[in-house]
Every structure is written in C-alpha cells, then in structure tokens.
C-alpha cells in the first residue's frame, strides 16, 4: 500500500472519528441542559418547601402563644 493511500485512509478515519465526537458532544450538551433544568426544578421545589416550613413554624408559634395565654388565666 502506498504512503499516499495510507494517508488518505488515516484522514478518512479521522473524519469519521471527528463526526462521532461531534455527535457525542451534542448528546452531552443535551444531557447537561436537561440536568440544569432538573436542578432548577429541584431548587424551586426546595424554596417552596422552605416557605411552607416557615409558614408552619409561624402557625406553631401562634398556637404556642395561645396555649400560654390560656394557661396564664
């Protein structure tokens, strides 16, 4: 096999490898975007749960205050 033919074969292999890597890179980007979106959803959910917990804490404080007032009478 001539050196020119070997070089052409090598270039063709590099082109195929390059295309495969581009596809894999696009897939990784898509996965990263999905993970980022999922992370934002979890963050939003965590913030909502934190607000709910704070509201429940306020309700508990109010009930404790009412109980203390009743016991003081």
PDB file of N, CA and C in Angstrom:
ATOM      1  N   UNK A   1       0.849  -1.171   0.000  1.00  0.00           N
ATOM      2  CA  UNK A   1       0.000   0.000   0.000  1.00  0.00           C
ATOM      3  C   UNK A   1       0.897   1.237   0.000  1.00  0.00           C
ATOM      4  N   UNK A   2       0.550   2.168  -0.820  1.00  0.00           N
ATOM      5  CA  UNK A   2       1.393   3.358  -0.938  1.00  0.00           C
ATOM      6  C   UNK A   2       1.189   4.269   0.262  1.00  0.00           C
ATOM      7  N   UNK A   3       2.157   5.104   0.468  1.00  0.00           N
ATOM      8  CA  UNK A   3       2.086   6.058   1.580  1.00  0.00           C
ATOM      9  C   UNK A   3       0.910   7.006   1.396  1.00  0.00           C
ATOM     10  N   UNK A   4       0.643   7.393   0.155  1.00  0.00           N
ATOM     11  CA  UNK A   4      -0.474   8.293  -0.117  1.00  0.00           C
ATOM     12  C   UNK A   4      -1.807   7.638   0.260  1.00  0.00           C
ATOM     13  N   UNK A   5      -1.961   6.365  -0.055  1.00  0.00           N
ATOM     14  CA  UNK A   5      -3.194   5.640   0.259  1.00  0.00           C
ATOM     15  C   UNK A   5      -3.361   5.499   1.773  1.00  0.00           C
ATOM     16  N   UNK A   6      -2.287   5.203   2.452  1.00  0.00           N
ATOM     17  CA  UNK A   6      -2.342   5.092   3.915  1.00  0.00           C
ATOM     18  C   UNK A   6      -2.732   6.437   4.529  1.00  0.00           C
ATOM     19  N   UNK A   7      -2.178   7.504   3.985  1.00  0.00           N
ATOM     20  CA  UNK A   7      -2.501   8.841   4.476  1.00  0.00           C
ATOM     21  C   UNK A   7      -3.982   9.160   4.231  1.00  0.00           C
ATOM     22  N   UNK A   8      -4.490   8.808   3.065  1.00  0.00           N
ATOM     23  CA  UNK A   8      -5.901   9.031   2.759  1.00  0.00           C
ATOM     24  C   UNK A   8      -6.800   8.225   3.700  1.00  0.00           C
ATOM     25  N   UNK A   9      -6.423   6.996   3.952  1.00  0.00           N
ATOM     26  CA  UNK A   9      -7.188   6.164   4.878  1.00  0.00           C
ATOM     27  C   UNK A   9      -7.203   6.763   6.282  1.00  0.00           C
ATOM     28  N   UNK A  10      -6.050   7.236   6.695  1.00  0.00           N
ATOM     29  CA  UNK A  10      -5.938   7.840   8.030  1.00  0.00           C
ATOM     30  C   UNK A  10      -6.804   9.101   8.115  1.00  0.00           C
ATOM     31  N   UNK A  11      -6.800   9.913   7.070  1.00  0.00           N
ATOM     32  CA  UNK A  11      -7.613  11.136   7.055  1.00  0.00           C
ATOM     33  C   UNK A  11      -9.095  10.783   7.103  1.00  0.00           C
ATOM     34  N   UNK A  12      -9.501   9.772   6.357  1.00  0.00           N
ATOM     35  CA  UNK A  12     -10.898   9.343   6.372  1.00  0.00           C
ATOM     36  C   UNK A  12     -11.302   8.845   7.756  1.00  0.00           C
ATOM     37  N   UNK A  13     -10.425   8.118   8.424  1.00  0.00           N
ATOM     38  CA  UNK A  13     -10.704   7.638   9.781  1.00  0.00           C
ATOM     39  C   UNK A  13     -10.833   8.813  10.743  1.00  0.00           C
ATOM     40  N   UNK A  14      -9.967   9.797  10.613  1.00  0.00           N
ATOM     41  CA  UNK A  14     -10.041  10.982  11.474  1.00  0.00           C
ATOM     42  C   UNK A  14     -11.346  11.737  11.246  1.00  0.00           C
ATOM     43  N   UNK A  15     -11.791  11.807   9.992  1.00  0.00           N
ATOM     44  CA  UNK A  15     -13.060  12.475   9.694  1.00  0.00           C
ATOM     45  C   UNK A  15     -14.218  11.735  10.373  1.00  0.00           C
ATOM     46  N   UNK A  16     -14.226  10.409  10.286  1.00  0.00           N
ATOM     47  CA  UNK A  16     -15.280   9.623  10.937  1.00  0.00           C
ATOM     48  C   UNK A  16     -15.239   9.801  12.454  1.00  0.00           C
ATOM     49  N   UNK A  17     -14.039   9.758  12.994  1.00  0.00           N
ATOM     50  CA  UNK A  17     -13.882   9.948  14.442  1.00  0.00           C
ATOM     51  C   UNK A  17     -14.361  11.345  14.855  1.00  0.00           C
ATOM     52  N   UNK A  18     -14.033  12.326  14.040  1.00  0.00           N
ATOM     53  CA  UNK A  18     -14.432  13.697  14.337  1.00  0.00           C
ATOM     54  C   UNK A  18     -15.954  13.831  14.336  1.00  0.00           C
ATOM     55  N   UNK A  19     -16.618  13.245  13.361  1.00  0.00           N
ATOM     56  CA  UNK A  19     -18.074  13.290  13.290  1.00  0.00           C
ATOM     57  C   UNK A  19     -18.694  12.576  14.497  1.00  0.00           C
ATOM     58  N   UNK A  20     -18.118  11.445  14.860  1.00  0.00           N
ATOM     59  CA  UNK A  20     -18.618  10.712  16.031  1.00  0.00           C
ATOM     60  C   UNK A  20     -18.466  11.554  17.296  1.00  0.00           C
ATOM     61  N   UNK A  21     -17.355  12.234  17.422  1.00  0.00           N
ATOM     62  CA  UNK A  21     -17.129  13.086  18.597  1.00  0.00           C
ATOM     63  C   UNK A  21     -18.087  14.277  18.605  1.00  0.00           C
ATOM     64  N   UNK A  22     -18.392  14.817  17.449  1.00  0.00           N
ATOM     65  CA  UNK A  22     -19.348  15.922  17.377  1.00  0.00           C
ATOM     66  C   UNK A  22     -20.731  15.465  17.830  1.00  0.00           C
ATOM     67  N   UNK A  23     -21.130  14.283  17.393  1.00  0.00           N
ATOM     68  CA  UNK A  23     -22.421  13.751  17.826  1.00  0.00           C
ATOM     69  C   UNK A  23     -22.452  13.499  19.330  1.00  0.00           C
ATOM     70  N   UNK A  24     -21.375  12.930  19.835  1.00  0.00           N
ATOM     71  CA  UNK A  24     -21.291  12.659  21.271  1.00  0.00           C
ATOM     72  C   UNK A  24     -21.317  13.971  22.057  1.00  0.00           C
ATOM     73  N   UNK A  25     -20.631  14.982  21.549  1.00  0.00           N
ATOM     74  CA  UNK A  25     -20.612  16.282  22.211  1.00  0.00           C
ATOM     75  C   UNK A  25     -22.016  16.891  22.245  1.00  0.00           C
ATOM     76  N   UNK A  26     -22.749  16.778  21.138  1.00  0.00           N
ATOM     77  CA  UNK A  26     -24.115  17.290  21.099  1.00  0.00           C
ATOM     78  C   UNK A  26     -24.996  16.561  22.112  1.00  0.00           C
ATOM     79  N   UNK A  27     -24.800  15.257  22.224  1.00  0.00           N
ATOM     80  CA  UNK A  27     -25.567  14.473  23.198  1.00  0.00           C
ATOM     81  C   UNK A  27     -25.236  14.913  24.619  1.00  0.00           C
ATOM     82  N   UNK A  28     -23.962  15.128  24.911  1.00  0.00           N
ATOM     83  CA  UNK A  28     -23.566  15.588  26.242  1.00  0.00           C
ATOM     84  C   UNK A  28     -24.141  16.968  26.552  1.00  0.00           C
ATOM     85  N   UNK A  29     -24.157  17.847  25.568  1.00  0.00           N
ATOM     86  CA  UNK A  29     -24.742  19.171  25.776  1.00  0.00           C
ATOM     87  C   UNK A  29     -26.220  19.057  26.107  1.00  0.00           C
ATOM     88  N   UNK A  30     -26.905  18.192  25.394  1.00  0.00           N
ATOM     89  CA  UNK A  30     -28.333  17.980  25.650  1.00  0.00           C
ATOM     90  C   UNK A  30     -28.554  17.438  27.060  1.00  0.00           C
ATOM     91  N   UNK A  31     -27.746  16.479  27.463  1.00  0.00           N
ATOM     92  CA  UNK A  31     -27.861  15.924  28.812  1.00  0.00           C
ATOM     93  C   UNK A  31     -27.590  16.987  29.864  1.00  0.00           C
ATOM     94  N   UNK A  32     -26.611  17.839  29.608  1.00  0.00           N
ATOM     95  CA  UNK A  32     -26.273  18.902  30.548  1.00  0.00           C
ATOM     96  C   UNK A  32     -27.426  19.895  30.685  1.00  0.00           C
ATOM     97  N   UNK A  33     -28.050  20.229  29.559  1.00  0.00           N
ATOM     98  CA  UNK A  33     -29.199  21.130  29.605  1.00  0.00           C
ATOM     99  C   UNK A  33     -30.344  20.507  30.385  1.00  0.00           C
ATOM    100  N   UNK A  34     -30.570  19.213  30.192  1.00  0.00           N
ATOM    101  CA  UNK A  34     -31.629  18.528  30.932  1.00  0.00           C
ATOM    102  C   UNK A  34     -31.341  18.520  32.429  1.00  0.00           C
ATOM    103  N   UNK A  35     -30.086  18.274  32.781  1.00  0.00           N
ATOM    104  CA  UNK A  35     -29.705  18.266  34.194  1.00  0.00           C
ATOM    105  C   UNK A  35     -29.851  19.655  34.808  1.00  0.00           C
ATOM    106  N   UNK A  36     -29.493  20.654  34.037  1.00  0.00           N
ATOM    107  CA  UNK A  36     -29.605  22.026  34.524  1.00  0.00           C
ATOM    108  C   UNK A  36     -31.067  22.367  34.788  1.00  0.00           C
ATOM    109  N   UNK A  37     -31.938  21.981  33.842  1.00  0.00           N
ATOM    110  CA  UNK A  37     -33.367  22.225  34.037  1.00  0.00           C
ATOM    111  C   UNK A  37     -33.901  21.482  35.242  1.00  0.00           C
ATOM    112  N   UNK A  38     -33.468  20.253  35.408  1.00  0.00           N
ATOM    113  CA  UNK A  38     -33.893  19.448  36.545  1.00  0.00           C
ATOM    114  C   UNK A  38     -33.414  20.077  37.853  1.00  0.00           C
ATOM    115  N   UNK A  39     -32.198  20.591  37.834  1.00  0.00           N
ATOM    116  CA  UNK A  39     -31.648  21.236  39.026  1.00  0.00           C
ATOM    117  C   UNK A  39     -32.477  22.468  39.386  1.00  0.00           C
ATOM    118  N   UNK A  40     -32.883  23.236  38.376  1.00  0.00           N
ATOM    119  CA  UNK A  40     -33.703  24.412  38.641  1.00  0.00           C
ATOM    120  C   UNK A  40     -35.055  24.024  39.224  1.00  0.00           C
ATOM    121  N   UNK A  41     -35.632  22.932  38.726  1.00  0.00           N
ATOM    122  CA  UNK A  41     -36.900  22.451  39.272  1.00  0.00           C
ATOM    123  C   UNK A  41     -36.746  22.062  40.740  1.00  0.00           C
ATOM    124  N   UNK A  42     -35.663  21.372  41.054  1.00  0.00           N
ATOM    125  CA  UNK A  42     -35.420  20.959  42.441  1.00  0.00           C
ATOM    126  C   UNK A  42     -35.208  22.185  43.330  1.00  0.00           C
ATOM    127  N   UNK A  43     -34.519  23.170  42.817  1.00  0.00           N
ATOM    128  CA  UNK A  43     -34.272  24.386  43.598  1.00  0.00           C
ATOM    129  C   UNK A  43     -35.588  25.091  43.882  1.00  0.00           C
ATOM    130  N   UNK A  44     -36.453  25.190  42.874  1.00  0.00           N
ATOM    131  CA  UNK A  44     -37.753  25.831  43.045  1.00  0.00           C
ATOM    132  C   UNK A  44     -38.593  25.073  44.059  1.00  0.00           C
ATOM    133  N   UNK A  45     -38.568  23.741  43.957  1.00  0.00           N
ATOM    134  CA  UNK A  45     -39.322  22.920  44.894  1.00  0.00           C
ATOM    135  C   UNK A  45     -38.787  23.091  46.315  1.00  0.00           C
ATOM    136  N   UNK A  46     -37.481  23.134  46.461  1.00  0.00           N
ATOM    137  CA  UNK A  46     -36.882  23.302  47.782  1.00  0.00           C
ATOM    138  C   UNK A  46     -37.266  24.658  48.385  1.00  0.00           C
ATOM    139  N   UNK A  47     -37.278  25.689  47.550  1.00  0.00           N
ATOM    140  CA  UNK A  47     -37.663  27.018  48.037  1.00  0.00           C
ATOM    141  C   UNK A  47     -39.124  27.040  48.475  1.00  0.00           C
ATOM    142  N   UNK A  48     -39.991  26.362  47.716  1.00  0.00           N
ATOM    143  CA  UNK A  48     -41.408  26.293  48.080  1.00  0.00           C
ATOM    144  C   UNK A  48     -41.582  25.548  49.403  1.00  0.00           C
ATOM    145  N   UNK A  49     -40.852  24.459  49.579  1.00  0.00           N
ATOM    146  CA  UNK A  49     -40.928  23.704  50.827  1.00  0.00           C
ATOM    147  C   UNK A  49     -40.393  24.515  52.002  1.00  0.00           C
ATOM    148  N   UNK A  50     -39.379  25.293  51.751  1.00  0.00           N
ATOM    149  CA  UNK A  50     -38.818  26.145  52.818  1.00  0.00           C
ATOM    150  C   UNK A  50     -39.843  27.198  53.247  1.00  0.00           C
ATOM    151  N   UNK A  51     -40.521  27.810  52.257  1.00  0.00           N
ATOM    152  CA  UNK A  51     -41.560  28.797  52.591  1.00  0.00           C
ATOM    153  C   UNK A  51     -42.691  28.144  53.378  1.00  0.00           C
ATOM    154  N   UNK A  52     -43.079  26.936  52.955  1.00  0.00           N
ATOM    155  CA  UNK A  52     -44.138  26.219  53.652  1.00  0.00           C
ATOM    156  C   UNK A  52     -43.731  25.910  55.088  1.00  0.00           C
ATOM    157  N   UNK A  53     -42.480  25.510  55.271  1.00  0.00           N
ATOM    158  CA  UNK A  53     -41.978  25.224  56.617  1.00  0.00           C
ATOM    159  C   UNK A  53     -41.999  26.479  57.480  1.00  0.00           C
ATOM    160  N   UNK A  54     -41.608  27.607  56.910  1.00  0.00           N
ATOM    161  CA  UNK A  54     -41.635  28.863  57.660  1.00  0.00           C
ATOM    162  C   UNK A  54     -43.054  29.228  58.064  1.00  0.00           C
ATOM    163  N   UNK A  55     -44.018  29.007  57.148  1.00  0.00           N
ATOM    164  CA  UNK A  55     -45.422  29.277  57.471  1.00  0.00           C
ATOM    165  C   UNK A  55     -45.896  28.372  58.602  1.00  0.00           C
ATOM    166  N   UNK A  56     -45.520  27.102  58.542  1.00  0.00           N
ATOM    167  CA  UNK A  56     -45.903  26.161  59.603  1.00  0.00           C
ATOM    168  C   UNK A  56     -45.272  26.552  60.938  1.00  0.00           C
ATOM    169  N   UNK A  57     -44.027  27.009  60.886  1.00  0.00           N
ATOM    170  CA  UNK A  57     -43.372  27.465  62.110  1.00  0.00           C
ATOM    171  C   UNK A  57     -44.125  28.642  62.725  1.00  0.00           C
ATOM    172  N   UNK A  58     -44.573  29.557  61.870  1.00  0.00           N
ATOM    173  CA  UNK A  58     -45.345  30.703  62.377  1.00  0.00           C
ATOM    174  C   UNK A  58     -46.665  30.252  62.991  1.00  0.00           C
ATOM    175  N   UNK A  59     -47.316  29.281  62.357  1.00  0.00           N
ATOM    176  CA  UNK A  59     -48.561  28.745  62.907  1.00  0.00           C
ATOM    177  C   UNK A  59     -48.319  28.100  64.267  1.00  0.00           C
ATOM    178  N   UNK A  60     -47.240  27.349  64.378  1.00  0.00           N
ATOM    179  CA  UNK A  60     -46.905  26.698  65.651  1.00  0.00           C
ATOM    180  C   UNK A  60     -46.640  27.741  66.729  1.00  0.00           C
ATOM    181  N   UNK A  61     -45.882  28.784  66.366  1.00  0.00           N
ATOM    182  CA  UNK A  61     -45.603  29.856  67.335  1.00  0.00           C
ATOM    183  C   UNK A  61     -46.914  30.503  67.814  1.00  0.00           C
ATOM    184  N   UNK A  62     -47.839  30.704  66.883  1.00  0.00           N
ATOM    185  CA  UNK A  62     -49.120  31.310  67.230  1.00  0.00           C
ATOM    186  C   UNK A  62     -49.903  30.408  68.180  1.00  0.00           C
ATOM    187  N   UNK A  63     -49.919  29.114  67.895  1.00  0.00           N
ATOM    188  CA  UNK A  63     -50.633  28.161  68.755  1.00  0.00           C
ATOM    189  C   UNK A  63     -49.998  28.114  70.140  1.00  0.00           C
ATOM    190  N   UNK A  64     -48.672  28.095  70.186  1.00  0.00           N
ATOM    191  CA  UNK A  64     -47.979  28.072  71.483  1.00  0.00           C
ATOM    192  C   UNK A  64     -48.320  29.322  72.283  1.00  0.00           C
ATOM    193  N   UNK A  65     -48.351  30.446  71.605  1.00  0.00           N
ATOM    194  CA  UNK A  65     -48.694  31.701  72.280  1.00  0.00           C
ATOM    195  C   UNK A  65     -50.109  31.647  72.831  1.00  0.00           C
ATOM    196  N   UNK A  66     -51.049  31.096  72.063  1.00  0.00           N
ATOM    197  CA  UNK A  66     -52.430  30.983  72.525  1.00  0.00           C
ATOM    198  C   UNK A  66     -52.535  30.038  73.718  1.00  0.00           C
ATOM    199  N   UNK A  67     -51.790  28.924  73.671  1.00  0.00           N
ATOM    200  CA  UNK A  67     -51.804  27.977  74.788  1.00  0.00           C
ATOM    201  C   UNK A  67     -51.237  28.638  76.044  1.00  0.00           C
ATOM    202  N   UNK A  68     -50.145  29.366  75.891  1.00  0.00           N
ATOM    203  CA  UNK A  68     -49.553  30.061  77.038  1.00  0.00           C
ATOM    204  C   UNK A  68     -50.522  31.068  77.634  1.00  0.00           C
ATOM    205  N   UNK A  69     -51.265  31.759  76.773  1.00  0.00           N
ATOM    206  CA  UNK A  69     -52.249  32.730  77.249  1.00  0.00           C
ATOM    207  C   UNK A  69     -53.358  32.021  78.019  1.00  0.00           C
ATOM    208  N   UNK A  70     -53.819  30.885  77.497  1.00  0.00           N
ATOM    209  CA  UNK A  70     -54.852  30.126  78.192  1.00  0.00           C
ATOM    210  C   UNK A  70     -54.364  29.607  79.540  1.00  0.00           C
ATOM    211  N   UNK A  71     -53.119  29.152  79.582  1.00  0.00           N
ATOM    212  CA  UNK A  71     -52.582  28.614  80.843  1.00  0.00           C
ATOM    213  C   UNK A  71     -52.355  29.718  81.883  1.00  0.00           C
ATOM    214  N   UNK A  72     -52.120  30.909  81.393  1.00  0.00           N
ATOM    215  CA  UNK A  72     -51.845  32.022  82.311  1.00  0.00           C
ATOM    216  C   UNK A  72     -53.119  32.524  82.987  1.00  0.00           C
ATOM    217  N   UNK A  73     -54.282  32.186  82.445  1.00  0.00           N
ATOM    218  CA  UNK A  73     -55.542  32.683  83.010  1.00  0.00           C
ATOM    219  C   UNK A  73     -55.937  31.978  84.259  1.00  0.00           C
TER     220      UNK A  73
END
